[in-house]
PDB file of N, CA and C in Angstrom:
ATOM      1  N   MET A   1      48.475   6.554  32.991  1.00  0.00           N
ATOM      2  CA  MET A   1      47.574   6.790  32.061  1.00  0.00           C
ATOM      3  C   MET A   1      46.310   7.626  31.934  1.00  0.00           C
ATOM      4  N   PRO A   2      46.185   8.824  31.599  1.00  0.00           N
ATOM      5  CA  PRO A   2      45.221   9.572  31.649  1.00  0.00           C
ATOM      6  C   PRO A   2      43.609   8.947  31.910  1.00  0.00           C
ATOM      7  N   ARG A   3      42.978   9.669  32.502  1.00  0.00           N
ATOM      8  CA  ARG A   3      41.517   9.322  32.698  1.00  0.00           C
ATOM      9  C   ARG A   3      40.630   9.695  31.232  1.00  0.00           C
ATOM     10  N   VAL A   4      40.207   8.782  30.676  1.00  0.00           N
ATOM     11  CA  VAL A   4      39.271   9.185  29.603  1.00  0.00           C
ATOM     12  C   VAL A   4      37.975   9.191  29.399  1.00  0.00           C
ATOM     13  N   THR A   5      36.845   9.910  29.599  1.00  0.00           N
ATOM     14  CA  THR A   5      35.677   9.852  29.966  1.00  0.00           C
ATOM     15  C   THR A   5      34.997  10.087  28.250  1.00  0.00           C
ATOM     16  N   SER A   6      33.922   9.747  28.009  1.00  0.00           N
ATOM     17  CA  SER A   6      33.057   9.851  27.242  1.00  0.00           C
ATOM     18  C   SER A   6      31.983  10.842  26.816  1.00  0.00           C
ATOM     19  N   ALA A   7      32.655  12.027  27.464  1.00  0.00           N
ATOM     20  CA  ALA A   7      31.430  12.995  27.822  1.00  0.00           C
ATOM     21  C   ALA A   7      30.973  14.096  26.898  1.00  0.00           C
ATOM     22  N   VAL A   8      32.009  13.972  25.674  1.00  0.00           N
ATOM     23  CA  VAL A   8      31.773  14.750  24.529  1.00  0.00           C
ATOM     24  C   VAL A   8      30.763  13.883  23.898  1.00  0.00           C
ATOM     25  N   ALA A   9      31.126  12.373  23.409  1.00  0.00           N
ATOM     26  CA  ALA A   9      30.550  11.836  22.446  1.00  0.00           C
ATOM     27  C   ALA A   9      28.986  11.477  23.078  1.00  0.00           C
ATOM     28  N   SER A  10      28.510  11.044  24.494  1.00  0.00           N
ATOM     29  CA  SER A  10      27.457  11.094  24.925  1.00  0.00           C
ATOM     30  C   SER A  10      26.625  12.238  24.914  1.00  0.00           C
ATOM     31  N   ARG A  11      27.179  13.513  25.304  1.00  0.00           N
ATOM     32  CA  ARG A  11      26.470  14.772  24.940  1.00  0.00           C
ATOM     33  C   ARG A  11      25.920  15.040  23.943  1.00  0.00           C
ATOM     34  N   LYS A  12      26.797  15.037  22.826  1.00  0.00           N
ATOM     35  CA  LYS A  12      26.257  14.898  21.541  1.00  0.00           C
ATOM     36  C   LYS A  12      25.374  13.757  21.307  1.00  0.00           C
ATOM     37  N   ARG A  13      25.444  12.679  21.720  1.00  0.00           N
ATOM     38  CA  ARG A  13      24.243  11.773  21.113  1.00  0.00           C
ATOM     39  C   ARG A  13      22.772  12.281  22.007  1.00  0.00           C
ATOM     40  N   ARG A  14      22.910  12.502  22.988  1.00  0.00           N
ATOM     41  CA  ARG A  14      21.860  12.909  23.958  1.00  0.00           C
ATOM     42  C   ARG A  14      21.399  14.277  23.017  1.00  0.00           C
ATOM     43  N   LYS A  15      22.171  15.134  22.936  1.00  0.00           N
ATOM     44  CA  LYS A  15      21.509  16.528  22.486  1.00  0.00           C
ATOM     45  C   LYS A  15      20.903  16.321  20.967  1.00  0.00           C
ATOM     46  N   ARG A  16      21.496  15.234  20.236  1.00  0.00           N
ATOM     47  CA  ARG A  16      20.697  15.025  18.899  1.00  0.00           C
ATOM     48  C   ARG A  16      19.625  14.227  19.107  1.00  0.00           C
ATOM     49  N   VAL A  17      19.299  13.177  19.814  1.00  0.00           N
ATOM     50  CA  VAL A  17      18.189  12.588  20.610  1.00  0.00           C
ATOM     51  C   VAL A  17      16.898  13.907  21.012  1.00  0.00           C
ATOM     52  N   LEU A  18      17.647  14.986  21.825  1.00  0.00           N
ATOM     53  CA  LEU A  18      16.470  15.969  22.369  1.00  0.00           C
ATOM     54  C   LEU A  18      16.170  16.739  21.415  1.00  0.00           C
ATOM     55  N   GLU A  19      17.102  17.192  20.118  1.00  0.00           N
ATOM     56  CA  GLU A  19      16.686  17.646  18.946  1.00  0.00           C
ATOM     57  C   GLU A  19      15.617  17.134  18.478  1.00  0.00           C
ATOM     58  N   GLN A  20      15.302  15.848  18.166  1.00  0.00           N
ATOM     59  CA  GLN A  20      14.609  15.079  17.482  1.00  0.00           C
ATOM     60  C   GLN A  20      13.219  15.091  18.270  1.00  0.00           C
ATOM     61  N   ALA A  21      13.378  15.328  19.963  1.00  0.00           N
ATOM     62  CA  ALA A  21      12.158  15.165  20.491  1.00  0.00           C
ATOM     63  C   ALA A  21      11.435  16.599  20.510  1.00  0.00           C
ATOM     64  N   LYS A  22      12.053  17.420  20.167  1.00  0.00           N
ATOM     65  CA  LYS A  22      11.583  19.046  20.010  1.00  0.00           C
ATOM     66  C   LYS A  22      10.174  19.149  19.853  1.00  0.00           C
ATOM     67  N   GLY A  23       9.083  19.558  20.827  1.00  0.00           N
ATOM     68  CA  GLY A  23       7.781  19.823  20.653  1.00  0.00           C
ATOM     69  C   GLY A  23       7.101  18.667  20.905  1.00  0.00           C
ATOM     70  N   PHE A  24       7.718  17.626  21.737  1.00  0.00           N
ATOM     71  CA  PHE A  24       7.052  16.466  22.326  1.00  0.00           C
ATOM     72  C   PHE A  24       6.425  17.183  23.817  1.00  0.00           C
ATOM     73  N   TYR A  25       5.529  16.502  24.148  1.00  0.00           N
ATOM     74  CA  TYR A  25       4.618  16.756  25.533  1.00  0.00           C
ATOM     75  C   TYR A  25       5.512  16.288  26.820  1.00  0.00           C
ATOM     76  N   GLY A  26       5.416  17.601  27.529  1.00  0.00           N
ATOM     77  CA  GLY A  26       6.042  17.256  28.866  1.00  0.00           C
ATOM     78  C   GLY A  26       7.387  16.440  29.159  1.00  0.00           C
ATOM     79  N   ALA A  27       7.688  15.656  29.713  1.00  0.00           N
ATOM     80  CA  ALA A  27       8.765  14.790  29.883  1.00  0.00           C
ATOM     81  C   ALA A  27       9.275  14.197  28.578  1.00  0.00           C
ATOM     82  N   SER A  28       8.625  13.895  27.741  1.00  0.00           N
ATOM     83  CA  SER A  28       9.107  13.333  26.533  1.00  0.00           C
ATOM     84  C   SER A  28      10.073  14.246  25.769  1.00  0.00           C
ATOM     85  N   SER A  29      10.023  15.271  26.000  1.00  0.00           N
ATOM     86  CA  SER A  29      10.906  16.525  25.299  1.00  0.00           C
ATOM     87  C   SER A  29      12.255  16.580  26.352  1.00  0.00           C
ATOM     88  N   LYS A  30      12.073  16.403  27.640  1.00  0.00           N
ATOM     89  CA  LYS A  30      13.175  16.986  28.753  1.00  0.00           C
ATOM     90  C   LYS A  30      13.642  15.727  29.163  1.00  0.00           C
ATOM     91  N   ASN A  31      13.220  14.676  29.722  1.00  0.00           N
ATOM     92  CA  ASN A  31      13.645  13.326  30.268  1.00  0.00           C
ATOM     93  C   ASN A  31      14.613  12.364  29.320  1.00  0.00           C
ATOM     94  N   ILE A  32      16.048  12.414  29.493  1.00  0.00           N
ATOM     95  CA  ILE A  32      16.398  11.754  28.373  1.00  0.00           C
ATOM     96  C   ILE A  32      16.084  10.188  28.200  1.00  0.00           C
ATOM     97  N   ARG A  33      15.505   9.632  29.448  1.00  0.00           N
ATOM     98  CA  ARG A  33      15.193   8.202  29.369  1.00  0.00           C
ATOM     99  C   ARG A  33      13.831   8.104  28.415  1.00  0.00           C
ATOM    100  N   THR A  34      12.876   9.023  29.036  1.00  0.00           N
ATOM    101  CA  THR A  34      11.575   8.870  28.178  1.00  0.00           C
ATOM    102  C   THR A  34      11.847   9.224  27.006  1.00  0.00           C
ATOM    103  N   VAL A  35      12.670  10.389  26.466  1.00  0.00           N
ATOM    104  CA  VAL A  35      12.824  10.867  25.275  1.00  0.00           C
ATOM    105  C   VAL A  35      13.231   9.760  24.465  1.00  0.00           C
ATOM    106  N   TYR A  36      14.132   8.793  24.562  1.00  0.00           N
ATOM    107  CA  TYR A  36      14.694   7.806  23.914  1.00  0.00           C
ATOM    108  C   TYR A  36      13.536   6.987  23.392  1.00  0.00           C
ATOM    109  N   ASP A  37      12.753   6.753  24.606  1.00  0.00           N
ATOM    110  CA  ASP A  37      11.267   5.940  24.248  1.00  0.00           C
ATOM    111  C   ASP A  37      10.555   6.578  23.017  1.00  0.00           C
ATOM    112  N   ALA A  38      10.293   8.009  23.512  1.00  0.00           N
ATOM    113  CA  ALA A  38       9.449   8.694  22.673  1.00  0.00           C
ATOM    114  C   ALA A  38       9.946   8.987  20.933  1.00  0.00           C
ATOM    115  N   VAL A  39      11.362   9.097  20.966  1.00  0.00           N
ATOM    116  CA  VAL A  39      11.806   9.307  19.730  1.00  0.00           C
ATOM    117  C   VAL A  39      11.756   7.982  18.808  1.00  0.00           C
ATOM    118  N   ASP A  40      12.321   6.893  19.661  1.00  0.00           N
ATOM    119  CA  ASP A  40      12.183   5.394  18.896  1.00  0.00           C
ATOM    120  C   ASP A  40      10.456   5.344  18.439  1.00  0.00           C
ATOM    121  N   LYS A  41       9.521   5.412  19.307  1.00  0.00           N
ATOM    122  CA  LYS A  41       8.090   5.313  18.902  1.00  0.00           C
ATOM    123  C   LYS A  41       7.699   5.993  17.550  1.00  0.00           C
ATOM    124  N   ALA A  42       7.925   7.122  17.760  1.00  0.00           N
ATOM    125  CA  ALA A  42       7.947   8.534  16.769  1.00  0.00           C
ATOM    126  C   ALA A  42       8.653   7.914  15.189  1.00  0.00           C
ATOM    127  N   MET A  43       9.772   7.693  15.448  1.00  0.00           N
ATOM    128  CA  MET A  43      10.649   6.776  14.469  1.00  0.00           C
ATOM    129  C   MET A  43       9.678   5.839  13.845  1.00  0.00           C
ATOM    130  N   ALA A  44       9.209   4.984  14.727  1.00  0.00           N
ATOM    131  CA  ALA A  44       8.399   3.633  14.025  1.00  0.00           C
ATOM    132  C   ALA A  44       6.948   4.255  13.236  1.00  0.00           C
ATOM    133  N   HIS A  45       6.641   5.257  13.950  1.00  0.00           N
ATOM    134  CA  HIS A  45       5.239   5.813  13.368  1.00  0.00           C
ATOM    135  C   HIS A  45       5.416   6.473  12.068  1.00  0.00           C
ATOM    136  N   ALA A  46       6.643   7.107  12.220  1.00  0.00           N
ATOM    137  CA  ALA A  46       6.959   7.758  10.564  1.00  0.00           C
ATOM    138  C   ALA A  46       7.306   6.756   9.734  1.00  0.00           C
ATOM    139  N   TYR A  47       7.911   5.808  10.109  1.00  0.00           N
ATOM    140  CA  TYR A  47       8.148   4.691   8.867  1.00  0.00           C
ATOM    141  C   TYR A  47       6.961   4.164   8.345  1.00  0.00           C
ATOM    142  N   VAL A  48       5.996   3.817   9.335  1.00  0.00           N
ATOM    143  CA  VAL A  48       4.640   3.275   8.951  1.00  0.00           C
ATOM    144  C   VAL A  48       4.107   4.315   8.056  1.00  0.00           C
ATOM    145  N   GLY A  49       3.851   5.415   8.211  1.00  0.00           N
ATOM    146  CA  GLY A  49       3.489   6.599   7.770  1.00  0.00           C
ATOM    147  C   GLY A  49       3.594   6.840   6.391  1.00  0.00           C
ATOM    148  N   ARG A  50       4.741   6.688   6.304  1.00  0.00           N
ATOM    149  CA  ARG A  50       5.080   6.661   4.722  1.00  0.00           C
ATOM    150  C   ARG A  50       4.947   5.598   3.719  1.00  0.00           C
ATOM    151  N   LYS A  51       4.738   4.288   4.537  1.00  0.00           N
ATOM    152  CA  LYS A  51       4.170   3.525   3.574  1.00  0.00           C
ATOM    153  C   LYS A  51       2.501   3.728   3.262  1.00  0.00           C
ATOM    154  N   GLN A  52       1.820   4.230   4.253  1.00  0.00           N
ATOM    155  CA  GLN A  52       0.712   4.431   4.501  1.00  0.00           C
ATOM    156  C   GLN A  52       0.393   5.407   3.592  1.00  0.00           C
ATOM    157  N   LYS A  53       0.782   6.343   3.227  1.00  0.00           N
ATOM    158  CA  LYS A  53       0.573   7.488   2.561  1.00  0.00           C
ATOM    159  C   LYS A  53       0.289   7.094   0.907  1.00  0.00           C
ATOM    160  N   LYS A  54       1.213   6.108   0.877  1.00  0.00           N
ATOM    161  CA  LYS A  54       1.226   5.672  -0.771  1.00  0.00           C
ATOM    162  C   LYS A  54       0.198   4.920  -0.987  1.00  0.00           C
ATOM    163  N   ARG A  55      -0.391   4.232   0.176  1.00  0.00           N
ATOM    164  CA  ARG A  55      -1.933   3.500   0.005  1.00  0.00           C
ATOM    165  C   ARG A  55      -3.209   4.489   0.015  1.00  0.00           C
ATOM    166  N   GLN A  56      -3.100   5.496   1.000  1.00  0.00           N
ATOM    167  CA  GLN A  56      -4.118   6.562   1.180  1.00  0.00           C
ATOM    168  C   GLN A  56      -4.192   7.438  -0.053  1.00  0.00           C
ATOM    169  N   TYR A  57      -2.828   7.540  -1.087  1.00  0.00           N
ATOM    170  CA  TYR A  57      -3.070   8.119  -2.204  1.00  0.00           C
ATOM    171  C   TYR A  57      -3.862   7.515  -3.365  1.00  0.00           C
ATOM    172  N   ARG A  58      -3.384   6.316  -3.193  1.00  0.00           N
ATOM    173  CA  ARG A  58      -3.941   5.467  -4.492  1.00  0.00           C
ATOM    174  C   ARG A  58      -5.438   5.254  -4.348  1.00  0.00           C
ATOM    175  N   ARG A  59      -5.844   5.072  -3.191  1.00  0.00           N
ATOM    176  CA  ARG A  59      -7.313   5.117  -2.938  1.00  0.00           C
ATOM    177  C   ARG A  59      -8.020   6.097  -3.155  1.00  0.00           C
ATOM    178  N   LEU A  60      -7.527   7.543  -2.838  1.00  0.00           N
ATOM    179  CA  LEU A  60      -8.166   8.897  -3.302  1.00  0.00           C
ATOM    180  C   LEU A  60      -8.124   8.850  -4.774  1.00  0.00           C
ATOM    181  N   TRP A  61      -7.044   8.544  -5.533  1.00  0.00           N
ATOM    182  CA  TRP A  61      -7.337   8.496  -7.127  1.00  0.00           C
ATOM    183  C   TRP A  61      -8.339   7.617  -7.336  1.00  0.00           C
ATOM    184  N   THR A  62      -8.044   6.517  -6.927  1.00  0.00           N
ATOM    185  CA  THR A  62      -9.277   5.433  -7.276  1.00  0.00           C
ATOM    186  C   THR A  62     -10.780   5.849  -7.175  1.00  0.00           C
ATOM    187  N   THR A  63     -10.985   6.545  -6.037  1.00  0.00           N
ATOM    188  CA  THR A  63     -12.463   7.175  -5.376  1.00  0.00           C
ATOM    189  C   THR A  63     -12.894   8.216  -6.567  1.00  0.00           C
ATOM    190  N   ARG A  64     -11.450   9.039  -7.024  1.00  0.00           N
ATOM    191  CA  ARG A  64     -11.680  10.180  -7.738  1.00  0.00           C
ATOM    192  C   ARG A  64     -12.472   9.707  -9.326  1.00  0.00           C
ATOM    193  N   ILE A  65     -11.329   8.867  -9.683  1.00  0.00           N
ATOM    194  CA  ILE A  65     -11.620   8.325 -11.022  1.00  0.00           C
ATOM    195  C   ILE A  65     -13.042   7.859 -11.304  1.00  0.00           C
ATOM    196  N   ASN A  66     -13.526   6.819 -10.142  1.00  0.00           N
ATOM    197  CA  ASN A  66     -14.781   6.065 -10.109  1.00  0.00           C
ATOM    198  C   ASN A  66     -15.812   6.813 -10.075  1.00  0.00           C
ATOM    199  N   ALA A  67     -15.837   7.917  -9.340  1.00  0.00           N
ATOM    200  CA  ALA A  67     -16.721   9.179  -9.351  1.00  0.00           C
ATOM    201  C   ALA A  67     -17.022   9.921 -10.550  1.00  0.00           C
ATOM    202  N   ALA A  68     -15.680   9.858 -11.400  1.00  0.00           N
ATOM    203  CA  ALA A  68     -15.820  10.708 -12.752  1.00  0.00           C
ATOM    204  C   ALA A  68     -16.260   9.646 -13.717  1.00  0.00           C
ATOM    205  N   CYS A  69     -16.105   8.391 -13.403  1.00  0.00           N
ATOM    206  CA  CYS A  69     -16.556   7.501 -14.446  1.00  0.00           C
ATOM    207  C   CYS A  69     -18.215   7.271 -14.526  1.00  0.00           C
ATOM    208  N   ARG A  70     -18.493   7.289 -13.304  1.00  0.00           N
ATOM    209  CA  ARG A  70     -20.029   7.027 -12.949  1.00  0.00           C
ATOM    210  C   ARG A  70     -20.501   8.196 -13.524  1.00  0.00           C
ATOM    211  N   LEU A  71     -20.308   9.551 -13.294  1.00  0.00           N
ATOM    212  CA  LEU A  71     -20.847  10.522 -14.258  1.00  0.00           C
ATOM    213  C   LEU A  71     -21.150  10.213 -15.885  1.00  0.00           C
ATOM    214  N   ASN A  72     -20.273   9.420 -16.502  1.00  0.00           N
ATOM    215  CA  ASN A  72     -20.070   8.910 -17.828  1.00  0.00           C
ATOM    216  C   ASN A  72     -20.830   7.730 -18.086  1.00  0.00           C
ATOM    217  N   GLY A  73     -21.527   7.435 -17.072  1.00  0.00           N
ATOM    218  CA  GLY A  73     -22.425   5.943 -17.321  1.00  0.00           C
ATOM    219  C   GLY A  73     -21.294   4.663 -17.231  1.00  0.00           C
ATOM    220  N   LEU A  74     -20.563   4.465 -16.393  1.00  0.00           N
ATOM    221  CA  LEU A  74     -19.300   3.442 -16.380  1.00  0.00           C
ATOM    222  C   LEU A  74     -18.807   3.582 -15.018  1.00  0.00           C
ATOM    223  N   ASN A  75     -18.509   2.222 -14.465  1.00  0.00           N
ATOM    224  CA  ASN A  75     -17.732   2.123 -13.238  1.00  0.00           C
ATOM    225  C   ASN A  75     -16.385   1.890 -13.489  1.00  0.00           C
ATOM    226  N   TYR A  76     -15.472   1.910 -12.282  1.00  0.00           N
ATOM    227  CA  TYR A  76     -14.200   1.760 -12.296  1.00  0.00           C
ATOM    228  C   TYR A  76     -13.616   0.811 -12.987  1.00  0.00           C
ATOM    229  N   SER A  77     -14.301  -0.167 -12.426  1.00  0.00           N
ATOM    230  CA  SER A  77     -13.394  -1.642 -12.995  1.00  0.00           C
ATOM    231  C   SER A  77     -13.676  -1.893 -14.690  1.00  0.00           C
ATOM    232  N   GLN A  78     -14.702  -1.465 -15.272  1.00  0.00           N
ATOM    233  CA  GLN A  78     -15.165  -1.369 -16.248  1.00  0.00           C
ATOM    234  C   GLN A  78     -14.190  -0.311 -17.208  1.00  0.00           C
ATOM    235  N   PHE A  79     -13.973   0.627 -16.544  1.00  0.00           N
ATOM    236  CA  PHE A  79     -13.177   1.736 -17.212  1.00  0.00           C
ATOM    237  C   PHE A  79     -11.662   1.530 -17.232  1.00  0.00           C
ATOM    238  N   MET A  80     -11.261   0.530 -16.336  1.00  0.00           N
ATOM    239  CA  MET A  80      -9.821   0.220 -16.231  1.00  0.00           C
ATOM    240  C   MET A  80      -9.438  -0.880 -17.163  1.00  0.00           C
ATOM    241  N   CYS A  81     -10.624  -1.808 -17.261  1.00  0.00           N
ATOM    242  CA  CYS A  81     -10.716  -2.917 -18.212  1.00  0.00           C
ATOM    243  C   CYS A  81     -10.545  -1.992 -19.699  1.00  0.00           C
ATOM    244  N   GLY A  82     -11.464  -1.308 -20.016  1.00  0.00           N
ATOM    245  CA  GLY A  82     -11.492  -0.923 -21.260  1.00  0.00           C
ATOM    246  C   GLY A  82     -10.198  -0.136 -21.487  1.00  0.00           C
ATOM    247  N   LEU A  83      -9.359   0.622 -20.697  1.00  0.00           N
ATOM    248  CA  LEU A  83      -8.381   1.248 -21.044  1.00  0.00           C
ATOM    249  C   LEU A  83      -7.400   0.381 -21.298  1.00  0.00           C
ATOM    250  N   LYS A  84      -7.167  -0.968 -20.709  1.00  0.00           N
ATOM    251  CA  LYS A  84      -6.337  -2.024 -20.680  1.00  0.00           C
ATOM    252  C   LYS A  84      -6.215  -2.409 -22.123  1.00  0.00           C
ATOM    253  N   ARG A  85      -7.637  -2.545 -22.388  1.00  0.00           N
ATOM    254  CA  ARG A  85      -7.912  -3.298 -23.876  1.00  0.00           C
ATOM    255  C   ARG A  85      -7.604  -2.406 -24.858  1.00  0.00           C
ATOM    256  N   ALA A  86      -7.596  -0.908 -24.413  1.00  0.00           N
ATOM    257  CA  ALA A  86      -7.272  -0.047 -25.758  1.00  0.00           C
ATOM    258  C   ALA A  86      -5.936   0.273 -25.552  1.00  0.00           C
ATOM    259  N   GLU A  87      -5.176  -0.226 -24.539  1.00  0.00           N
ATOM    260  CA  GLU A  87      -3.704  -0.301 -24.630  1.00  0.00           C
ATOM    261  C   GLU A  87      -3.389   1.477 -24.402  1.00  0.00           C
ATOM    262  N   ILE A  88      -4.249   1.876 -23.602  1.00  0.00           N
ATOM    263  CA  ILE A  88      -4.029   3.400 -22.980  1.00  0.00           C
ATOM    264  C   ILE A  88      -3.229   3.214 -21.448  1.00  0.00           C
ATOM    265  N   ASP A  89      -1.846   3.667 -21.482  1.00  0.00           N
ATOM    266  CA  ASP A  89      -1.197   3.291 -20.274  1.00  0.00           C
ATOM    267  C   ASP A  89      -1.184   4.689 -19.659  1.00  0.00           C
ATOM    268  N   LEU A  90      -2.173   4.826 -18.717  1.00  0.00           N
ATOM    269  CA  LEU A  90      -1.984   6.314 -17.729  1.00  0.00           C
ATOM    270  C   LEU A  90      -1.943   5.619 -16.333  1.00  0.00           C
ATOM    271  N   ASN A  91      -1.409   6.346 -15.505  1.00  0.00           N
ATOM    272  CA  ASN A  91      -1.491   6.064 -14.016  1.00  0.00           C
ATOM    273  C   ASN A  91      -2.704   6.574 -13.300  1.00  0.00           C
ATOM    274  N   ARG A  92      -2.917   5.867 -12.291  1.00  0.00           N
ATOM    275  CA  ARG A  92      -3.987   6.499 -11.674  1.00  0.00           C
ATOM    276  C   ARG A  92      -4.083   7.912 -11.275  1.00  0.00           C
ATOM    277  N   LYS A  93      -2.730   8.205 -10.683  1.00  0.00           N
ATOM    278  CA  LYS A  93      -2.743   9.922 -10.384  1.00  0.00           C
ATOM    279  C   LYS A  93      -2.820  10.516 -11.409  1.00  0.00           C
ATOM    280  N   MET A  94      -2.600  10.148 -12.562  1.00  0.00           N
ATOM    281  CA  MET A  94      -2.814  11.254 -13.899  1.00  0.00           C
ATOM    282  C   MET A  94      -3.964  11.391 -14.277  1.00  0.00           C
ATOM    283  N   LEU A  95      -4.986  10.020 -14.356  1.00  0.00           N
ATOM    284  CA  LEU A  95      -5.928   9.768 -14.572  1.00  0.00           C
ATOM    285  C   LEU A  95      -6.735  10.624 -13.780  1.00  0.00           C
ATOM    286  N   SER A  96      -6.804  10.572 -12.237  1.00  0.00           N
ATOM    287  CA  SER A  96      -7.576  11.294 -11.534  1.00  0.00           C
ATOM    288  C   SER A  96      -7.266  12.793 -11.930  1.00  0.00           C
ATOM    289  N   GLU A  97      -6.063  13.410 -12.081  1.00  0.00           N
ATOM    290  CA  GLU A  97      -5.854  14.695 -12.317  1.00  0.00           C
ATOM    291  C   GLU A  97      -6.480  15.136 -13.729  1.00  0.00           C
ATOM    292  N   ILE A  98      -6.715  14.183 -14.587  1.00  0.00           N
ATOM    293  CA  ILE A  98      -7.472  14.567 -16.023  1.00  0.00           C
ATOM    294  C   ILE A  98      -8.742  14.928 -15.361  1.00  0.00           C
ATOM    295  N   ALA A  99      -9.657  13.679 -14.655  1.00  0.00           N
ATOM    296  CA  ALA A  99     -10.835  13.846 -14.422  1.00  0.00           C
ATOM    297  C   ALA A  99     -11.145  15.349 -13.556  1.00  0.00           C
ATOM    298  N   ILE A 100     -10.269  15.573 -12.907  1.00  0.00           N
ATOM    299  CA  ILE A 100     -10.755  16.852 -11.987  1.00  0.00           C
ATOM    300  C   ILE A 100     -10.404  18.350 -12.795  1.00  0.00           C
ATOM    301  N   HIS A 101      -9.658  18.302 -13.866  1.00  0.00           N
ATOM    302  CA  HIS A 101      -9.010  19.382 -14.331  1.00  0.00           C
ATOM    303  C   HIS A 101      -9.515  19.699 -15.869  1.00  0.00           C
ATOM    304  N   GLU A 102      -9.627  18.595 -16.710  1.00  0.00           N
ATOM    305  CA  GLU A 102      -9.847  18.411 -17.903  1.00  0.00           C
ATOM    306  C   GLU A 102     -11.113  17.340 -18.010  1.00  0.00           C
ATOM    307  N   PRO A 103     -12.324  17.473 -17.669  1.00  0.00           N
ATOM    308  CA  PRO A 103     -13.250  16.634 -17.765  1.00  0.00           C
ATOM    309  C   PRO A 103     -13.699  16.295 -19.285  1.00  0.00           C
ATOM    310  N   ALA A 104     -13.457  17.238 -20.138  1.00  0.00           N
ATOM    311  CA  ALA A 104     -13.598  16.814 -21.621  1.00  0.00           C
ATOM    312  C   ALA A 104     -12.788  15.593 -22.222  1.00  0.00           C
ATOM    313  N   ALA A 105     -11.402  15.834 -22.070  1.00  0.00           N
ATOM    314  CA  ALA A 105     -10.618  14.744 -21.914  1.00  0.00           C
ATOM    315  C   ALA A 105     -11.088  13.445 -21.378  1.00  0.00           C
ATOM    316  N   PHE A 106     -11.148  13.602 -20.332  1.00  0.00           N
ATOM    317  CA  PHE A 106     -11.565  12.258 -19.715  1.00  0.00           C
ATOM    318  C   PHE A 106     -12.790  11.470 -20.073  1.00  0.00           C
ATOM    319  N   THR A 107     -13.880  12.302 -20.657  1.00  0.00           N
ATOM    320  CA  THR A 107     -15.044  11.960 -21.255  1.00  0.00           C
ATOM    321  C   THR A 107     -14.492  10.905 -22.485  1.00  0.00           C
ATOM    322  N   ALA A 108     -13.445  11.590 -23.197  1.00  0.00           N
ATOM    323  CA  ALA A 108     -13.064  10.869 -24.262  1.00  0.00           C
ATOM    324  C   ALA A 108     -12.600   9.628 -23.954  1.00  0.00           C
ATOM    325  N   LEU A 109     -11.786   9.486 -22.772  1.00  0.00           N
ATOM    326  CA  LEU A 109     -11.318   8.302 -22.300  1.00  0.00           C
ATOM    327  C   LEU A 109     -12.393   7.554 -22.241  1.00  0.00           C
ATOM    328  N   VAL A 110     -13.328   7.717 -21.558  1.00  0.00           N
ATOM    329  CA  VAL A 110     -14.624   7.017 -21.083  1.00  0.00           C
ATOM    330  C   VAL A 110     -14.839   6.392 -22.239  1.00  0.00           C
ATOM    331  N   GLU A 111     -15.061   7.036 -23.383  1.00  0.00           N
ATOM    332  CA  GLU A 111     -15.865   6.542 -24.769  1.00  0.00           C
ATOM    333  C   GLU A 111     -15.122   5.782 -25.167  1.00  0.00           C
ATOM    334  N   GLN A 112     -13.503   5.891 -25.189  1.00  0.00           N
ATOM    335  CA  GLN A 112     -12.448   4.839 -25.699  1.00  0.00           C
ATOM    336  C   GLN A 112     -12.571   3.674 -24.857  1.00  0.00           C
ATOM    337  N   ALA A 113     -12.801   3.498 -23.717  1.00  0.00           N
ATOM    338  CA  ALA A 113     -12.805   2.409 -22.757  1.00  0.00           C
ATOM    339  C   ALA A 113     -14.145   1.799 -23.329  1.00  0.00           C
ATOM    340  N   LYS A 114     -15.423   2.376 -23.458  1.00  0.00           N
ATOM    341  CA  LYS A 114     -16.493   2.103 -23.869  1.00  0.00           C
ATOM    342  C   LYS A 114     -16.618   1.049 -25.040  1.00  0.00           C
ATOM    343  N   ALA A 115     -15.790   1.546 -25.975  1.00  0.00           N
ATOM    344  CA  ALA A 115     -15.667   1.256 -27.246  1.00  0.00           C
ATOM    345  C   ALA A 115     -15.178  -0.121 -27.404  1.00  0.00           C
ATOM    346  N   GLN A 116     -14.231  -0.088 -26.482  1.00  0.00           N
ATOM    347  CA  GLN A 116     -13.369  -1.397 -26.589  1.00  0.00           C
ATOM    348  C   GLN A 116     -14.307  -2.736 -25.874  1.00  0.00           C
ATOM    349  N   LEU A 117     -14.946  -2.094 -24.754  1.00  0.00           N
ATOM    350  CA  LEU A 117     -15.520  -3.026 -23.864  1.00  0.00           C
ATOM    351  C   LEU A 117     -17.123  -3.630 -24.861  1.00  0.00           C
ATOM    352  N   ASN A 118     -17.255  -2.854 -25.892  1.00  0.00           N
ATOM    353  CA  ASN A 118     -18.395  -3.511 -26.855  1.00  0.00           C
ATOM    354  C   ASN A 118     -17.966  -4.286 -27.909  1.00  0.00           C
ATOM    355  N   LYS A 119     -16.602  -4.271 -27.762  1.00  0.00           N
ATOM    356  CA  LYS A 119     -16.015  -5.302 -29.179  1.00  0.00           C
ATOM    357  C   LYS A 119     -16.243  -6.484 -28.876  1.00  0.00           C
TER     358      LYS A 119
END
């Protein structure tokens, strides 16, 4: 029976992992044993980072909305409560974009929220 090696498969696997480690510092991009560790760690950080990105953007939008609300004499929580009572369903991303690019429209939203709070 002929001797079969897994050279092609293992070379392909190593090459794929080395490609993922391209740009890493020192042995982390050259030595296959350290490359496996570095790529595993990088993938774990990337996974966590994708989750954190969503949190960070929501915090940014909330901060922007709060700043725009305070310019109009209202704080963030009161503004959001007023919008909910007025049945205005806009997500935080759109509210922050309106606050930045359309200050007059945002002021109108704040006025509607204030009117609902005073009822």
